[in-house]
């Protein structure tokens, strides 16, 4: 009896508290890596393909540590992208409120995963072999139950805590933080119809999923980092798998290539600008905000209060097509008294026509680009002239 009680107390491994904590964090990180690499980037978005051995290791690990079914997870996530921030989005703070997504994110996921219409419509192309049908999808709770037995055997009663932390890790970090905070607060490198943000620039704790704004901008990219100061640990793991012959990257977000500016833009310049349109417009928005800060230091006949100016500064971050209602009226009022900034804002919308006019002939779009560059240079605004030269340098 004493031996049994000692076993329950210590388990097979008589580890220190620090060692058990390290073990727990290591295993939860493996689970995060499996979610971001296998479920998210590979299965949901086809940004990479995995060797069958690597793919099955991830499937088994997720069955053991989360009980999530690949087809259900993929379906819910694809629907999130299809209906982002709109009615039907399974877990948007814009629809459900930030508090509910943070505290009940896992419940929102399970509700949508139980919807057979969602699974059929958005879950195509996921594994449907014998093991998936007869084990992983059929015996969902048995995997996490097996993990509970293993960890109690290894650590005794402390294994219950280790198991509980592992069970909470994905609901808290992925269902709560990424789906909640990732659509509510943080910084935005790119604008768009979504409210996704980059929570922090160092994507380590949640496998790179912290860079959520980048992901919604380039959803089929295997690399989530975009700017020089961002780090995506999931991309590091993918590169290691690739070096071992266990993964093949199919898509990454484009990174602009530049050469000395051409005197006149050509078709290659046009295609490069369209391919890098998100980066182009993000850079234009930063230029516009820099011009705003310089303008604010100059004396003007019409002066606005600080609160109004702060609102205008925030609106200048947005794509003109996404500013509506009272916001548009406030922005128009300010720009009416700031001629240079008004010109820059107008040219911003005209530049976006290069990729909005999808059915226009390439020659027509090229003529529009050349006209835009000429207009920018004739404006007499130094920043616009520099930006036109930058556009002609895209390769």
Protein backbone atom coordinates (compact mmCIF):
# COMPACT_ATOMS: atom_id res chain seq x y z
CA UNK A 1 0.00 0.00 0.00
CA UNK A 2 2.82 2.37 0.84
CA UNK A 3 4.48 1.60 -2.47
CA UNK A 4 1.23 2.38 -4.33
CA UNK A 5 0.83 5.69 -2.50
CA UNK A 6 4.45 6.55 -3.27
CA UNK A 7 3.80 5.76 -6.92
CA UNK A 8 0.75 8.06 -6.96
CA UNK A 9 2.80 10.76 -5.33
CA UNK A 10 5.90 10.60 -7.53
CA UNK A 11 5.10 8.48 -10.56
CA UNK A 12 7.76 6.68 -12.56
CA UNK A 13 9.86 9.83 -12.89
CA UNK A 14 10.97 11.48 -9.68
CA UNK A 15 11.55 14.87 -11.33
CA UNK A 16 11.96 18.25 -9.69
CA UNK A 17 9.28 20.92 -10.08
CA UNK A 18 11.46 22.87 -12.50
CA UNK A 19 11.96 19.80 -14.68
CA UNK A 20 8.20 19.10 -14.76
CA UNK A 21 7.43 22.72 -15.67
CA UNK A 22 10.04 22.59 -18.46
CA UNK A 23 8.52 19.33 -19.72
CA UNK A 24 5.04 20.85 -19.74
CA UNK A 25 6.13 23.97 -21.63
CA UNK A 26 8.08 21.90 -24.14
CA UNK A 27 5.11 19.65 -24.91
CA UNK A 28 2.69 22.54 -25.19
CA UNK A 29 5.08 24.19 -27.63
CA UNK A 30 5.14 21.04 -29.73
CA UNK A 31 1.34 21.16 -29.77
CA UNK A 32 1.40 24.80 -30.88
CA UNK A 33 3.88 23.89 -33.64
CA UNK A 34 1.61 21.06 -34.79
CA UNK A 35 -1.39 23.42 -34.96
CA UNK A 36 0.36 26.17 -36.88
CA UNK A 37 2.38 23.96 -39.24
CA UNK A 38 0.02 21.06 -39.90
CA UNK A 39 -3.52 22.30 -39.26
CA UNK A 40 -3.14 25.94 -40.22
CA UNK A 41 -0.50 26.44 -42.87
CA UNK A 42 -0.55 22.97 -44.45
CA UNK A 43 -4.15 21.75 -44.27
CA UNK A 44 -6.22 24.95 -44.12
CA UNK A 45 -4.23 27.10 -46.55
CA UNK A 46 -2.06 24.65 -48.57
CA UNK A 47 0.95 26.90 -48.06
CA UNK A 48 3.16 23.81 -47.76
CA UNK A 49 2.99 20.08 -48.18
CA UNK A 50 4.32 17.65 -45.60
CA UNK A 51 5.92 14.24 -46.04
CA UNK A 52 3.41 11.53 -45.05
CA UNK A 53 5.55 10.59 -42.03
CA UNK A 54 5.65 14.18 -40.71
CA UNK A 55 1.97 14.66 -41.48
CA UNK A 56 0.97 11.56 -39.53
CA UNK A 57 3.19 12.41 -36.58
CA UNK A 58 1.40 15.76 -36.33
CA UNK A 59 -2.02 14.10 -36.67
CA UNK A 60 -1.25 11.61 -33.93
CA UNK A 61 0.16 14.27 -31.63
CA UNK A 62 -2.90 16.50 -32.04
CA UNK A 63 -5.23 13.55 -31.41
CA UNK A 64 -3.26 12.78 -28.23
CA UNK A 65 -2.98 16.33 -26.92
CA UNK A 66 -6.07 18.19 -28.19
CA UNK A 67 -8.66 15.77 -29.54
CA UNK A 68 -9.22 18.11 -32.49
CA UNK A 69 -10.38 16.59 -35.78
CA UNK A 70 -8.45 17.90 -38.77
CA UNK A 71 -11.45 18.34 -41.05
CA UNK A 72 -13.45 20.21 -38.42
CA UNK A 73 -10.61 22.57 -37.50
CA UNK A 74 -9.86 23.34 -41.14
CA UNK A 75 -13.54 23.96 -41.94
CA UNK A 76 -14.00 26.39 -39.05
CA UNK A 77 -10.83 28.29 -39.95
CA UNK A 78 -11.65 28.55 -43.65
CA UNK A 79 -15.10 29.85 -42.80
CA UNK A 80 -13.47 32.45 -40.56
CA UNK A 81 -11.53 33.75 -43.55
CA UNK A 82 -14.54 33.59 -45.86
CA UNK A 83 -16.78 35.52 -43.44
CA UNK A 84 -14.15 37.53 -41.59
CA UNK A 85 -15.70 40.16 -39.27
CA UNK A 86 -19.16 39.50 -40.79
CA UNK A 87 -22.19 37.57 -39.62
CA UNK A 88 -21.24 33.92 -39.92
CA UNK A 89 -17.66 34.42 -38.73
CA UNK A 90 -17.30 31.63 -36.13
CA UNK A 91 -15.26 33.64 -33.63
CA UNK A 92 -14.90 37.32 -34.49
CA UNK A 93 -14.82 39.92 -31.69
CA UNK A 94 -16.68 42.21 -34.11
CA UNK A 95 -19.57 39.73 -34.02
CA UNK A 96 -19.42 38.24 -30.50
CA UNK A 97 -17.49 40.87 -28.55
CA UNK A 98 -13.94 40.59 -27.25
CA UNK A 99 -14.91 39.29 -23.80
CA UNK A 100 -16.82 36.33 -25.16
CA UNK A 101 -14.11 35.36 -27.65
CA UNK A 102 -11.44 35.56 -24.94
CA UNK A 103 -13.38 33.55 -22.36
CA UNK A 104 -15.47 31.25 -24.57
CA UNK A 105 -13.34 30.90 -27.69
CA UNK A 106 -13.18 27.11 -27.41
CA UNK A 107 -16.98 26.88 -27.06
CA UNK A 108 -17.44 29.03 -30.18
CA UNK A 109 -15.10 26.70 -32.04
CA UNK A 110 -16.91 23.56 -30.88
CA UNK A 111 -20.30 25.03 -31.80
CA UNK A 112 -19.18 25.71 -35.37
CA UNK A 113 -17.29 22.41 -35.66
CA UNK A 114 -20.55 20.61 -34.84
CA UNK A 115 -22.27 22.29 -37.81
CA UNK A 116 -22.33 19.66 -40.59
CA UNK A 117 -22.96 22.30 -43.28
CA UNK A 118 -19.74 24.12 -42.34
CA UNK A 119 -17.73 20.90 -42.30
CA UNK A 120 -18.99 19.81 -45.72
CA UNK A 121 -18.64 23.23 -47.34
CA UNK A 122 -15.23 24.20 -46.00
CA UNK A 123 -13.55 20.94 -44.98
CA UNK A 124 -12.69 19.51 -48.39
CA UNK A 125 -9.26 18.09 -49.10
CA UNK A 126 -8.38 17.01 -45.57
CA UNK A 127 -7.21 13.45 -44.68
CA UNK A 128 -9.89 10.80 -45.09
CA UNK A 129 -7.94 7.55 -44.76
CA UNK A 130 -8.75 4.52 -42.60
CA UNK A 131 -6.94 5.85 -39.52
CA UNK A 132 -8.74 9.19 -39.73
CA UNK A 133 -12.18 7.60 -40.11
CA UNK A 134 -11.80 4.76 -37.61
CA UNK A 135 -9.49 6.24 -34.98
CA UNK A 136 -8.91 10.01 -34.93
CA UNK A 137 -12.42 11.12 -35.89
CA UNK A 138 -14.21 8.26 -34.12
CA UNK A 139 -12.38 8.12 -30.78
CA UNK A 140 -11.90 11.82 -30.11
CA UNK A 141 -11.72 11.90 -26.31
CA UNK A 142 -9.78 8.65 -26.03
CA UNK A 143 -6.58 10.34 -27.23
CA UNK A 144 -6.52 12.95 -24.47
CA UNK A 145 -7.65 10.26 -22.05
CA UNK A 146 -4.60 8.20 -22.99
CA UNK A 147 -2.40 11.24 -22.41
CA UNK A 148 -3.91 11.65 -18.94
CA UNK A 149 -3.05 8.04 -18.06
CA UNK A 150 0.51 8.45 -19.36
CA UNK A 151 1.19 11.65 -17.42
CA UNK A 152 -0.27 10.36 -14.17
CA UNK A 153 1.93 7.29 -14.58
CA UNK A 154 4.99 9.47 -15.19
CA UNK A 155 4.44 12.16 -12.55
CA UNK A 156 1.83 10.84 -10.14
CA UNK A 157 -0.90 13.24 -9.04
CA UNK A 158 1.14 16.16 -10.40
CA UNK A 159 0.46 14.65 -13.81
CA UNK A 160 -3.14 15.84 -13.45
CA UNK A 161 -1.90 19.43 -13.41
CA UNK A 162 0.46 18.82 -16.33
CA UNK A 163 -2.41 17.34 -18.33
CA UNK A 164 -4.78 20.18 -17.40
CA UNK A 165 -2.29 22.79 -18.60
CA UNK A 166 -1.94 20.97 -21.90
CA UNK A 167 -5.71 20.79 -22.30
CA UNK A 168 -6.06 24.54 -21.69
CA UNK A 169 -3.12 25.64 -23.82
CA UNK A 170 -4.81 25.69 -27.25
CA UNK A 171 -8.19 27.05 -26.03
CA UNK A 172 -6.42 29.92 -24.24
CA UNK A 173 -3.69 30.77 -26.76
CA UNK A 174 -5.30 29.95 -30.11
CA UNK A 175 -9.06 30.15 -29.53
CA UNK A 176 -8.75 33.03 -27.08
CA UNK A 177 -5.67 35.14 -27.72
CA UNK A 178 -5.21 34.76 -31.49
CA UNK A 179 -8.91 34.81 -32.41
CA UNK A 180 -9.65 37.46 -29.79
CA UNK A 181 -6.72 39.84 -29.28
CA UNK A 182 -5.57 39.15 -32.84
CA UNK A 183 -8.71 40.92 -34.07
CA UNK A 184 -8.92 43.57 -31.39
CA UNK A 185 -5.58 45.15 -30.45
CA UNK A 186 -2.01 45.29 -31.70
CA UNK A 187 -0.31 46.89 -34.68
CA UNK A 188 -1.31 46.61 -38.34
CA UNK A 189 1.37 46.40 -40.99
CA UNK A 190 -1.29 46.11 -43.70
CA UNK A 191 -4.81 47.42 -44.07
CA UNK A 192 -7.74 45.45 -45.39
CA UNK A 193 -11.39 44.58 -44.82
CA UNK A 194 -10.42 42.52 -41.78
CA UNK A 195 -9.60 43.82 -38.29
CA UNK A 196 -6.68 41.43 -37.78
CA UNK A 197 -3.64 42.76 -35.93
CA UNK A 198 -0.13 41.63 -35.14
CA UNK A 199 -0.20 41.08 -31.38
CA UNK A 200 3.58 41.26 -30.98
CA UNK A 201 6.41 41.21 -33.56
CA UNK A 202 8.13 38.19 -31.96
CA UNK A 203 6.04 35.12 -32.82
CA UNK A 204 7.48 32.63 -30.35
CA UNK A 205 4.91 31.67 -27.71
CA UNK A 206 2.11 30.82 -30.17
CA UNK A 207 4.30 29.53 -32.99
CA UNK A 208 4.22 32.70 -35.09
CA UNK A 209 0.44 33.06 -35.02
CA UNK A 210 0.99 36.31 -33.12
CA UNK A 211 1.58 37.88 -36.57
CA UNK A 212 -2.11 37.68 -37.38
CA UNK A 213 -2.41 40.82 -39.51
CA UNK A 214 0.29 39.49 -41.81
CA UNK A 215 -1.55 36.19 -42.07
CA UNK A 216 -4.87 37.75 -43.05
CA UNK A 217 -3.07 39.85 -45.65
CA UNK A 218 -1.26 36.84 -47.14
CA UNK A 219 -3.35 33.87 -45.97
CA UNK A 220 -1.67 31.31 -48.25
CA UNK A 221 1.86 32.21 -47.19
CA UNK A 222 3.86 29.64 -45.23
CA UNK A 223 5.86 32.49 -43.69
CA UNK A 224 3.94 34.79 -41.35
CA UNK A 225 6.71 37.30 -40.68
CA UNK A 226 6.84 40.20 -43.11
CA UNK A 227 8.85 43.15 -41.82
CA UNK A 228 12.51 43.07 -40.84
CA UNK A 229 11.87 43.16 -37.08
CA UNK A 230 9.34 40.30 -37.05
CA UNK A 231 10.19 36.72 -36.15
CA UNK A 232 8.06 33.67 -36.92
CA UNK A 233 9.31 30.57 -35.11
CA UNK A 234 6.86 28.39 -37.07
CA UNK A 235 8.63 29.41 -40.27
CA UNK A 236 11.95 28.38 -38.68
CA UNK A 237 10.54 24.91 -37.98
CA UNK A 238 9.19 24.65 -41.52
CA UNK A 239 12.62 25.46 -42.92
CA UNK A 240 14.16 22.77 -40.70
CA UNK A 241 11.58 20.25 -41.92
CA UNK A 242 12.32 21.32 -45.48
CA UNK A 243 16.05 20.80 -44.95
CA UNK A 244 15.28 17.27 -43.75
CA UNK A 245 13.14 16.53 -46.80
CA UNK A 246 9.95 16.43 -44.72
CA UNK A 247 8.26 19.56 -46.08
CA UNK A 248 7.92 21.49 -49.34
CA UNK A 249 6.90 25.15 -49.28
CA UNK A 250 4.41 26.00 -52.03
CA UNK A 251 3.68 29.67 -51.32
CA UNK A 252 5.20 32.57 -49.39
CA UNK A 253 4.26 36.24 -49.29
CA UNK A 254 6.14 38.18 -51.96
CA UNK A 255 9.01 40.36 -50.93
CA UNK A 256 9.70 43.32 -53.21
CA UNK A 257 12.75 43.25 -55.41
CA UNK A 258 14.11 46.58 -56.55
CA UNK A 259 16.60 47.85 -59.08
CA UNK A 260 17.68 51.38 -60.11
CA UNK A 261 14.56 53.32 -61.04
CA UNK A 262 13.66 53.14 -64.73
CA UNK A 263 12.99 56.40 -66.57
CA UNK A 264 9.56 55.05 -67.52
CA UNK A 265 7.63 52.15 -65.96
CA UNK A 266 7.18 49.07 -68.17
CA UNK A 267 4.99 45.96 -67.96
CA UNK A 268 7.43 44.20 -65.64
CA UNK A 269 7.27 47.15 -63.30
CA UNK A 270 3.48 47.04 -63.41
CA UNK A 271 3.32 43.32 -62.57
CA UNK A 272 5.84 43.74 -59.74
CA UNK A 273 3.79 46.58 -58.22
CA UNK A 274 0.57 44.57 -58.44
CA UNK A 275 2.24 41.50 -56.90
CA UNK A 276 3.51 43.66 -54.03
CA UNK A 277 0.41 45.85 -53.73
CA UNK A 278 0.00 45.29 -49.98
CA UNK A 279 3.55 46.40 -49.31
CA UNK A 280 3.16 49.34 -51.70
CA UNK A 281 0.03 50.65 -49.98
CA UNK A 282 1.43 50.06 -46.49
CA UNK A 283 4.48 52.10 -47.42
CA UNK A 284 2.27 54.81 -48.94
CA UNK A 285 0.24 55.02 -45.73
CA UNK A 286 3.44 55.43 -43.69
CA UNK A 287 4.57 58.17 -46.06
CA UNK A 288 1.23 59.94 -45.66
CA UNK A 289 1.42 59.83 -41.88
CA UNK A 290 4.97 61.18 -42.02
CA UNK A 291 3.71 64.07 -44.16
CA UNK A 292 0.93 64.64 -41.61
CA UNK A 293 3.43 64.93 -38.77
CA UNK A 294 5.53 67.41 -40.75
CA UNK A 295 2.43 69.42 -41.64
CA UNK A 296 1.34 69.53 -37.99
CA UNK A 297 4.52 71.42 -37.11
CA UNK A 298 3.73 74.20 -39.60
CA UNK A 299 1.55 77.27 -38.82
CA UNK A 300 -1.96 77.21 -40.37
CA UNK A 301 -4.87 79.60 -40.53
CA UNK A 302 -7.32 76.87 -39.55
CA UNK A 303 -6.25 75.00 -36.41
CA UNK A 304 -7.91 71.82 -35.12
CA UNK A 305 -7.86 70.54 -31.55
CA UNK A 306 -5.59 67.69 -30.53
CA UNK A 307 -8.38 65.15 -30.22
CA UNK A 308 -9.58 65.81 -33.75
CA UNK A 309 -6.02 65.65 -35.09
CA UNK A 310 -5.46 62.31 -33.36
CA UNK A 311 -8.60 60.96 -35.03
CA UNK A 312 -7.42 62.17 -38.44
CA UNK A 313 -4.02 60.57 -37.91
CA UNK A 314 -5.69 57.23 -37.20
CA UNK A 315 -7.88 57.57 -40.29
CA UNK A 316 -4.87 58.18 -42.49
CA UNK A 317 -3.75 54.66 -41.62
CA UNK A 318 -6.87 53.26 -43.24
CA UNK A 319 -7.43 52.50 -46.90
CA UNK A 320 -9.70 55.27 -48.28
CA UNK A 321 -12.27 52.67 -49.32
CA UNK A 322 -12.64 51.54 -45.70
CA UNK A 323 -13.32 55.00 -44.23
CA UNK A 324 -17.05 55.64 -44.13
CA UNK A 325 -19.73 57.79 -42.50
CA UNK A 326 -18.69 60.37 -39.93
CA UNK A 327 -15.06 59.30 -40.26
CA UNK A 328 -15.03 60.24 -43.94
CA UNK A 329 -16.65 63.61 -43.14
CA UNK A 330 -14.03 64.39 -40.49
CA UNK A 331 -11.20 63.42 -42.82
CA UNK A 332 -12.65 65.50 -45.67
CA UNK A 333 -13.00 68.53 -43.37
CA UNK A 334 -9.35 68.34 -42.40
CA UNK A 335 -8.01 67.68 -45.91
CA UNK A 336 -10.01 70.60 -47.29
CA UNK A 337 -7.63 72.90 -45.38
CA UNK A 338 -4.46 70.90 -46.18
CA UNK A 339 -3.92 70.99 -49.95
CA UNK A 340 -0.78 68.85 -50.11
CA UNK A 341 -2.23 66.11 -47.91
CA UNK A 342 -5.46 66.19 -49.93
CA UNK A 343 -3.47 65.59 -53.12
CA UNK A 344 -1.60 62.71 -51.52
CA UNK A 345 -4.83 61.12 -50.32
CA UNK A 346 -6.43 61.45 -53.76
CA UNK A 347 -3.42 59.91 -55.48
CA UNK A 348 -3.49 57.09 -52.96
CA UNK A 349 -6.95 56.05 -54.17
CA UNK A 350 -5.92 56.44 -57.83
CA UNK A 351 -2.87 54.22 -57.32
CA UNK A 352 -5.09 51.44 -55.93
CA UNK A 353 -6.98 51.34 -59.24
CA UNK A 354 -4.05 49.37 -60.68
CA UNK A 355 -5.32 46.20 -58.99
CA UNK A 356 -8.97 47.12 -58.54
CA UNK A 357 -9.60 47.27 -62.29
CA UNK A 358 -9.25 43.51 -62.68
CA UNK A 359 -10.63 43.29 -66.22
CA UNK A 360 -8.57 46.10 -67.73
CA UNK A 361 -5.91 45.25 -70.30
CA UNK A 362 -2.28 45.36 -69.11
CA UNK A 363 -1.50 48.15 -71.58
CA UNK A 364 -4.34 50.23 -70.12
CA UNK A 365 -3.08 49.69 -66.57
CA UNK A 366 0.46 50.54 -67.65
CA UNK A 367 -0.76 53.83 -69.13
CA UNK A 368 -2.53 54.52 -65.83
CA UNK A 369 0.68 53.83 -63.87
CA UNK A 370 2.74 56.12 -66.09
CA UNK A 371 0.14 58.87 -65.80
CA UNK A 372 0.12 58.43 -62.01
CA UNK A 373 3.90 58.80 -61.81
CA UNK A 374 3.83 61.91 -63.99
CA UNK A 375 1.07 63.44 -61.88
CA UNK A 376 2.97 62.66 -58.66
CA UNK A 377 6.13 64.30 -59.98
CA UNK A 378 4.26 67.38 -61.27
CA UNK A 379 2.55 67.86 -57.90
CA UNK A 380 5.64 69.54 -56.51
CA UNK A 381 5.38 67.40 -53.35
CA UNK A 382 8.80 65.91 -52.67
CA UNK A 383 7.51 62.76 -51.00
CA UNK A 384 5.29 61.97 -53.98
CA UNK A 385 8.15 62.42 -56.41
CA UNK A 386 10.29 60.05 -54.36
CA UNK A 387 7.47 57.52 -54.20
CA UNK A 388 6.99 57.62 -57.97
CA UNK A 389 10.70 56.91 -58.41
CA UNK A 390 10.40 54.04 -55.95
CA UNK A 391 7.54 52.54 -57.93
CA UNK A 392 9.63 52.61 -61.10
CA UNK A 393 12.33 50.63 -59.24
CA UNK A 394 10.13 47.58 -58.55
CA UNK A 395 11.36 44.49 -60.40
